[in-house]
Amino acid sequence: MRITADVLVGLVAALHAYFLVLEMFLWERAPGRKLSGFDAALARTTAPLAANQGLYNGFLAAGLVWGLIAGEPTGFQAQVFFLACVIVAGLYGAATANRRILIAQALPGALALGAVLLAR
């Protein structure tokens, strides 16, 4: 179960690293505009906000990677904390921005957290 938990945590970290790239560097290009549904002008206007979101997603990814490489008990604690942050951010995003965030962010975080807790 430990391997499954580590793989899921790694996938959530990779997902948030992807969000970082998308929001910080690709927001005004086709992938970012497809995700947001914004035209070029609105994408340009909102790019600083998206970059800020991307930075926060990078912090989540970094925390999850830290949780994977840190020894016990720090690694477990970091994984639980950062996965809980991912879930809360996903729930908030789903409630305030787009319900798809529930599936794209909160669900993977919840699955990984469940696996981490079961592996303990």
N, C-alpha and C. Protein backbone atom coordinates (compact mmCIF):
# COMPACT_ATOMS: atom_id res chain seq x y z
N MET A 1 0.82 -1.20 0.00
CA MET A 1 0.00 0.00 0.00
C MET A 1 0.87 1.26 0.00
N ARG A 2 2.07 1.14 0.58
CA ARG A 2 2.96 2.30 0.63
C ARG A 2 3.34 2.76 -0.78
N ILE A 3 3.61 1.80 -1.65
CA ILE A 3 3.98 2.15 -3.03
C ILE A 3 2.81 2.85 -3.73
N THR A 4 1.62 2.33 -3.54
CA THR A 4 0.43 2.95 -4.14
C THR A 4 0.27 4.38 -3.63
N ALA A 5 0.43 4.57 -2.33
CA ALA A 5 0.31 5.90 -1.74
C ALA A 5 1.36 6.84 -2.32
N ASP A 6 2.61 6.37 -2.40
CA ASP A 6 3.68 7.20 -2.95
C ASP A 6 3.42 7.57 -4.41
N VAL A 7 2.91 6.62 -5.18
CA VAL A 7 2.61 6.90 -6.59
C VAL A 7 1.49 7.95 -6.69
N LEU A 8 0.46 7.81 -5.89
CA LEU A 8 -0.65 8.78 -5.93
C LEU A 8 -0.19 10.17 -5.49
N VAL A 9 0.62 10.22 -4.44
CA VAL A 9 1.16 11.52 -4.00
C VAL A 9 2.02 12.12 -5.11
N GLY A 10 2.84 11.30 -5.75
CA GLY A 10 3.66 11.78 -6.87
C GLY A 10 2.82 12.29 -8.03
N LEU A 11 1.73 11.61 -8.32
CA LEU A 11 0.84 12.05 -9.40
C LEU A 11 0.17 13.39 -9.06
N VAL A 12 -0.24 13.54 -7.81
CA VAL A 12 -0.84 14.82 -7.41
C VAL A 12 0.21 15.94 -7.48
N ALA A 13 1.44 15.63 -7.07
CA ALA A 13 2.52 16.62 -7.18
C ALA A 13 2.75 16.99 -8.64
N ALA A 14 2.78 16.00 -9.52
CA ALA A 14 2.99 16.27 -10.95
C ALA A 14 1.83 17.08 -11.52
N LEU A 15 0.62 16.79 -11.09
CA LEU A 15 -0.54 17.54 -11.55
C LEU A 15 -0.41 19.01 -11.17
N HIS A 16 0.03 19.27 -9.96
CA HIS A 16 0.17 20.66 -9.52
C HIS A 16 1.37 21.34 -10.17
N ALA A 17 2.40 20.60 -10.49
CA ALA A 17 3.50 21.17 -11.27
C ALA A 17 2.99 21.55 -12.67
N TYR A 18 2.14 20.72 -13.24
CA TYR A 18 1.52 21.05 -14.53
C TYR A 18 0.66 22.31 -14.43
N PHE A 19 -0.11 22.42 -13.34
CA PHE A 19 -0.91 23.63 -13.14
C PHE A 19 -0.01 24.86 -13.07
N LEU A 20 1.14 24.72 -12.40
CA LEU A 20 2.09 25.83 -12.32
C LEU A 20 2.50 26.28 -13.72
N VAL A 21 2.92 25.34 -14.55
CA VAL A 21 3.36 25.67 -15.90
C VAL A 21 2.22 26.30 -16.70
N LEU A 22 1.06 25.71 -16.62
CA LEU A 22 -0.10 26.20 -17.36
C LEU A 22 -0.45 27.62 -16.95
N GLU A 23 -0.49 27.87 -15.66
CA GLU A 23 -0.94 29.18 -15.17
C GLU A 23 0.14 30.25 -15.23
N MET A 24 1.39 29.86 -15.06
CA MET A 24 2.45 30.86 -15.05
C MET A 24 3.02 31.15 -16.44
N PHE A 25 3.06 30.15 -17.30
CA PHE A 25 3.78 30.29 -18.56
C PHE A 25 2.93 30.11 -19.82
N LEU A 26 1.79 29.43 -19.69
CA LEU A 26 0.98 29.14 -20.87
C LEU A 26 -0.39 29.80 -20.83
N TRP A 27 -0.62 30.67 -19.88
CA TRP A 27 -1.95 31.26 -19.68
C TRP A 27 -2.46 31.99 -20.92
N GLU A 28 -1.58 32.72 -21.59
CA GLU A 28 -2.00 33.50 -22.74
C GLU A 28 -1.90 32.72 -24.05
N ARG A 29 -1.41 31.50 -23.98
CA ARG A 29 -1.31 30.65 -25.17
C ARG A 29 -2.51 29.70 -25.22
N ALA A 30 -2.56 28.91 -26.26
CA ALA A 30 -3.71 28.03 -26.49
C ALA A 30 -4.08 27.15 -25.30
N PRO A 31 -3.12 26.47 -24.64
CA PRO A 31 -3.54 25.59 -23.52
C PRO A 31 -4.21 26.36 -22.38
N GLY A 32 -3.66 27.51 -22.02
CA GLY A 32 -4.24 28.30 -20.94
C GLY A 32 -5.57 28.90 -21.32
N ARG A 33 -5.67 29.37 -22.56
CA ARG A 33 -6.93 29.96 -23.01
C ARG A 33 -8.01 28.90 -23.15
N LYS A 34 -7.62 27.70 -23.55
CA LYS A 34 -8.60 26.61 -23.63
C LYS A 34 -9.13 26.26 -22.24
N LEU A 35 -8.22 26.21 -21.28
CA LEU A 35 -8.62 25.89 -19.91
C LEU A 35 -9.56 26.96 -19.35
N SER A 36 -9.19 28.22 -19.53
CA SER A 36 -9.96 29.30 -18.93
C SER A 36 -11.18 29.70 -19.76
N GLY A 37 -11.10 29.46 -21.07
CA GLY A 37 -12.17 29.91 -21.95
C GLY A 37 -12.11 31.40 -22.25
N PHE A 38 -10.97 32.03 -21.92
CA PHE A 38 -10.81 33.46 -22.11
C PHE A 38 -10.33 33.77 -23.52
N ASP A 39 -10.75 34.93 -24.03
CA ASP A 39 -10.19 35.41 -25.29
C ASP A 39 -8.80 36.00 -24.98
N ALA A 40 -8.08 36.41 -26.02
CA ALA A 40 -6.71 36.89 -25.85
C ALA A 40 -6.63 38.09 -24.91
N ALA A 41 -7.57 39.01 -25.04
CA ALA A 41 -7.53 40.22 -24.21
C ALA A 41 -7.75 39.90 -22.73
N LEU A 42 -8.72 39.05 -22.44
CA LEU A 42 -8.99 38.70 -21.04
C LEU A 42 -7.86 37.85 -20.47
N ALA A 43 -7.28 36.98 -21.28
CA ALA A 43 -6.14 36.18 -20.83
C ALA A 43 -4.98 37.10 -20.47
N ARG A 44 -4.73 38.11 -21.28
CA ARG A 44 -3.64 39.05 -21.02
C ARG A 44 -3.92 39.83 -19.72
N THR A 45 -5.15 40.24 -19.53
CA THR A 45 -5.53 41.00 -18.33
C THR A 45 -5.40 40.15 -17.07
N THR A 46 -5.78 38.89 -17.15
CA THR A 46 -5.78 38.03 -15.96
C THR A 46 -4.48 37.26 -15.77
N ALA A 47 -3.52 37.42 -16.66
CA ALA A 47 -2.27 36.66 -16.56
C ALA A 47 -1.56 36.84 -15.22
N PRO A 48 -1.48 38.04 -14.64
CA PRO A 48 -0.83 38.15 -13.33
C PRO A 48 -1.54 37.36 -12.24
N LEU A 49 -2.87 37.33 -12.29
CA LEU A 49 -3.62 36.55 -11.30
C LEU A 49 -3.37 35.05 -11.49
N ALA A 50 -3.36 34.62 -12.74
CA ALA A 50 -3.11 33.20 -13.04
C ALA A 50 -1.70 32.81 -12.61
N ALA A 51 -0.73 33.70 -12.83
CA ALA A 51 0.64 33.41 -12.42
C ALA A 51 0.73 33.24 -10.90
N ASN A 52 -0.01 34.06 -10.17
CA ASN A 52 -0.05 33.93 -8.71
C ASN A 52 -0.63 32.58 -8.31
N GLN A 53 -1.72 32.18 -8.96
CA GLN A 53 -2.30 30.85 -8.71
C GLN A 53 -1.29 29.76 -9.02
N GLY A 54 -0.58 29.92 -10.12
CA GLY A 54 0.42 28.93 -10.50
C GLY A 54 1.51 28.79 -9.46
N LEU A 55 1.92 29.91 -8.90
CA LEU A 55 2.95 29.87 -7.86
C LEU A 55 2.46 29.06 -6.66
N TYR A 56 1.23 29.28 -6.26
CA TYR A 56 0.68 28.52 -5.14
C TYR A 56 0.60 27.02 -5.48
N ASN A 57 0.24 26.70 -6.70
CA ASN A 57 0.23 25.29 -7.11
C ASN A 57 1.64 24.71 -7.06
N GLY A 58 2.63 25.52 -7.39
CA GLY A 58 4.02 25.07 -7.29
C GLY A 58 4.41 24.78 -5.84
N PHE A 59 3.94 25.61 -4.92
CA PHE A 59 4.21 25.35 -3.50
C PHE A 59 3.59 24.04 -3.05
N LEU A 60 2.38 23.76 -3.53
CA LEU A 60 1.74 22.49 -3.19
C LEU A 60 2.56 21.32 -3.74
N ALA A 61 2.99 21.43 -4.98
CA ALA A 61 3.81 20.36 -5.58
C ALA A 61 5.10 20.18 -4.80
N ALA A 62 5.75 21.27 -4.45
CA ALA A 62 7.02 21.19 -3.71
C ALA A 62 6.81 20.53 -2.34
N GLY A 63 5.72 20.89 -1.67
CA GLY A 63 5.43 20.28 -0.37
C GLY A 63 5.18 18.79 -0.47
N LEU A 64 4.50 18.37 -1.53
CA LEU A 64 4.24 16.94 -1.71
C LEU A 64 5.53 16.19 -2.03
N VAL A 65 6.38 16.78 -2.83
CA VAL A 65 7.68 16.14 -3.12
C VAL A 65 8.50 16.05 -1.84
N TRP A 66 8.50 17.11 -1.05
CA TRP A 66 9.18 17.08 0.25
C TRP A 66 8.64 15.93 1.10
N GLY A 67 7.32 15.77 1.11
CA GLY A 67 6.73 14.68 1.87
C GLY A 67 7.17 13.31 1.38
N LEU A 68 7.43 13.19 0.09
CA LEU A 68 7.89 11.90 -0.45
C LEU A 68 9.34 11.60 -0.10
N ILE A 69 10.16 12.63 0.04
CA ILE A 69 11.60 12.36 0.27
C ILE A 69 12.02 12.52 1.72
N ALA A 70 11.20 13.16 2.54
CA ALA A 70 11.56 13.34 3.95
C ALA A 70 11.37 12.03 4.71
N GLY A 71 12.16 11.87 5.72
CA GLY A 71 12.02 10.69 6.58
C GLY A 71 10.81 10.80 7.48
N GLU A 72 10.52 9.73 8.18
CA GLU A 72 9.39 9.71 9.11
C GLU A 72 9.78 10.41 10.40
N PRO A 73 8.88 11.07 11.07
CA PRO A 73 7.47 11.23 10.76
C PRO A 73 7.19 12.44 9.86
N THR A 74 8.24 13.21 9.55
CA THR A 74 8.04 14.45 8.79
C THR A 74 7.40 14.20 7.43
N GLY A 75 7.83 13.16 6.71
CA GLY A 75 7.30 12.88 5.39
C GLY A 75 5.80 12.62 5.43
N PHE A 76 5.38 11.79 6.37
CA PHE A 76 3.95 11.50 6.53
C PHE A 76 3.18 12.78 6.85
N GLN A 77 3.68 13.55 7.81
CA GLN A 77 3.00 14.78 8.22
C GLN A 77 2.91 15.78 7.07
N ALA A 78 3.99 15.91 6.30
CA ALA A 78 3.97 16.84 5.16
C ALA A 78 2.97 16.37 4.11
N GLN A 79 2.93 15.08 3.85
CA GLN A 79 1.97 14.57 2.86
C GLN A 79 0.55 14.84 3.29
N VAL A 80 0.24 14.57 4.55
CA VAL A 80 -1.12 14.80 5.05
C VAL A 80 -1.47 16.29 4.96
N PHE A 81 -0.56 17.14 5.40
CA PHE A 81 -0.83 18.58 5.39
C PHE A 81 -1.04 19.09 3.96
N PHE A 82 -0.12 18.78 3.06
CA PHE A 82 -0.23 19.34 1.71
C PHE A 82 -1.38 18.71 0.92
N LEU A 83 -1.68 17.45 1.16
CA LEU A 83 -2.86 16.86 0.50
C LEU A 83 -4.14 17.48 1.03
N ALA A 84 -4.19 17.77 2.32
CA ALA A 84 -5.36 18.47 2.87
C ALA A 84 -5.49 19.85 2.24
N CYS A 85 -4.37 20.53 2.03
CA CYS A 85 -4.41 21.84 1.36
C CYS A 85 -4.94 21.70 -0.07
N VAL A 86 -4.50 20.66 -0.77
CA VAL A 86 -4.97 20.41 -2.14
C VAL A 86 -6.49 20.21 -2.13
N ILE A 87 -6.97 19.42 -1.19
CA ILE A 87 -8.41 19.13 -1.12
C ILE A 87 -9.20 20.40 -0.81
N VAL A 88 -8.75 21.17 0.16
CA VAL A 88 -9.45 22.41 0.52
C VAL A 88 -9.45 23.38 -0.67
N ALA A 89 -8.31 23.52 -1.33
CA ALA A 89 -8.24 24.41 -2.50
C ALA A 89 -9.19 23.91 -3.60
N GLY A 90 -9.25 22.60 -3.79
CA GLY A 90 -10.15 22.04 -4.80
C GLY A 90 -11.61 22.26 -4.46
N LEU A 91 -11.96 22.09 -3.20
CA LEU A 91 -13.34 22.33 -2.78
C LEU A 91 -13.72 23.80 -2.94
N TYR A 92 -12.81 24.67 -2.55
CA TYR A 92 -13.08 26.10 -2.67
C TYR A 92 -13.19 26.50 -4.14
N GLY A 93 -12.28 26.01 -4.95
CA GLY A 93 -12.32 26.31 -6.38
C GLY A 93 -13.60 25.80 -7.03
N ALA A 94 -14.03 24.61 -6.63
CA ALA A 94 -15.27 24.05 -7.18
C ALA A 94 -16.48 24.88 -6.76
N ALA A 95 -16.45 25.39 -5.54
CA ALA A 95 -17.58 26.17 -5.04
C ALA A 95 -17.62 27.58 -5.63
N THR A 96 -16.46 28.13 -5.96
CA THR A 96 -16.41 29.54 -6.36
C THR A 96 -16.08 29.78 -7.82
N ALA A 97 -15.43 28.83 -8.48
CA ALA A 97 -14.96 29.10 -9.85
C ALA A 97 -15.57 28.14 -10.86
N ASN A 98 -15.32 26.83 -10.68
CA ASN A 98 -15.76 25.86 -11.68
C ASN A 98 -15.87 24.50 -11.00
N ARG A 99 -16.99 23.85 -11.15
CA ARG A 99 -17.20 22.56 -10.49
C ARG A 99 -16.25 21.48 -10.99
N ARG A 100 -15.68 21.65 -12.18
CA ARG A 100 -14.72 20.66 -12.69
C ARG A 100 -13.49 20.54 -11.80
N ILE A 101 -13.21 21.60 -11.04
CA ILE A 101 -12.05 21.58 -10.14
C ILE A 101 -12.20 20.49 -9.09
N LEU A 102 -13.43 20.16 -8.75
CA LEU A 102 -13.68 19.09 -7.79
C LEU A 102 -13.07 17.77 -8.29
N ILE A 103 -13.25 17.49 -9.57
CA ILE A 103 -12.73 16.25 -10.16
C ILE A 103 -11.24 16.37 -10.47
N ALA A 104 -10.82 17.52 -10.95
CA ALA A 104 -9.43 17.69 -11.39
C ALA A 104 -8.45 17.88 -10.23
N GLN A 105 -8.92 18.39 -9.09
CA GLN A 105 -8.00 18.69 -8.00
C GLN A 105 -8.38 18.00 -6.69
N ALA A 106 -9.60 18.20 -6.24
CA ALA A 106 -9.99 17.67 -4.93
C ALA A 106 -10.02 16.14 -4.91
N LEU A 107 -10.58 15.53 -5.95
CA LEU A 107 -10.67 14.07 -5.98
C LEU A 107 -9.30 13.39 -5.98
N PRO A 108 -8.35 13.79 -6.85
CA PRO A 108 -7.03 13.15 -6.77
C PRO A 108 -6.37 13.36 -5.41
N GLY A 109 -6.54 14.55 -4.84
CA GLY A 109 -5.97 14.80 -3.51
C GLY A 109 -6.58 13.90 -2.45
N ALA A 110 -7.90 13.72 -2.52
CA ALA A 110 -8.59 12.87 -1.55
C ALA A 110 -8.18 11.41 -1.69
N LEU A 111 -8.06 10.94 -2.93
CA LEU A 111 -7.62 9.55 -3.15
C LEU A 111 -6.21 9.34 -2.61
N ALA A 112 -5.33 10.30 -2.88
CA ALA A 112 -3.96 10.18 -2.39
C ALA A 112 -3.92 10.23 -0.86
N LEU A 113 -4.69 11.13 -0.27
CA LEU A 113 -4.73 11.22 1.19
C LEU A 113 -5.25 9.92 1.80
N GLY A 114 -6.30 9.38 1.22
CA GLY A 114 -6.81 8.09 1.71
C GLY A 114 -5.76 7.01 1.65
N ALA A 115 -5.02 6.95 0.57
CA ALA A 115 -3.96 5.94 0.43
C ALA A 115 -2.85 6.16 1.44
N VAL A 116 -2.47 7.42 1.65
CA VAL A 116 -1.41 7.73 2.62
C VAL A 116 -1.84 7.30 4.03
N LEU A 117 -3.08 7.58 4.37
CA LEU A 117 -3.58 7.20 5.71
C LEU A 117 -3.70 5.70 5.85
N LEU A 118 -4.14 5.02 4.82
CA LEU A 118 -4.24 3.55 4.87
C LEU A 118 -2.86 2.88 4.93
N ALA A 119 -1.88 3.50 4.29
CA ALA A 119 -0.53 2.93 4.28
C ALA A 119 0.17 3.09 5.62
N ARG A 120 -0.31 3.97 6.42
CA ARG A 120 0.30 4.25 7.73
C ARG A 120 0.07 3.06 8.61
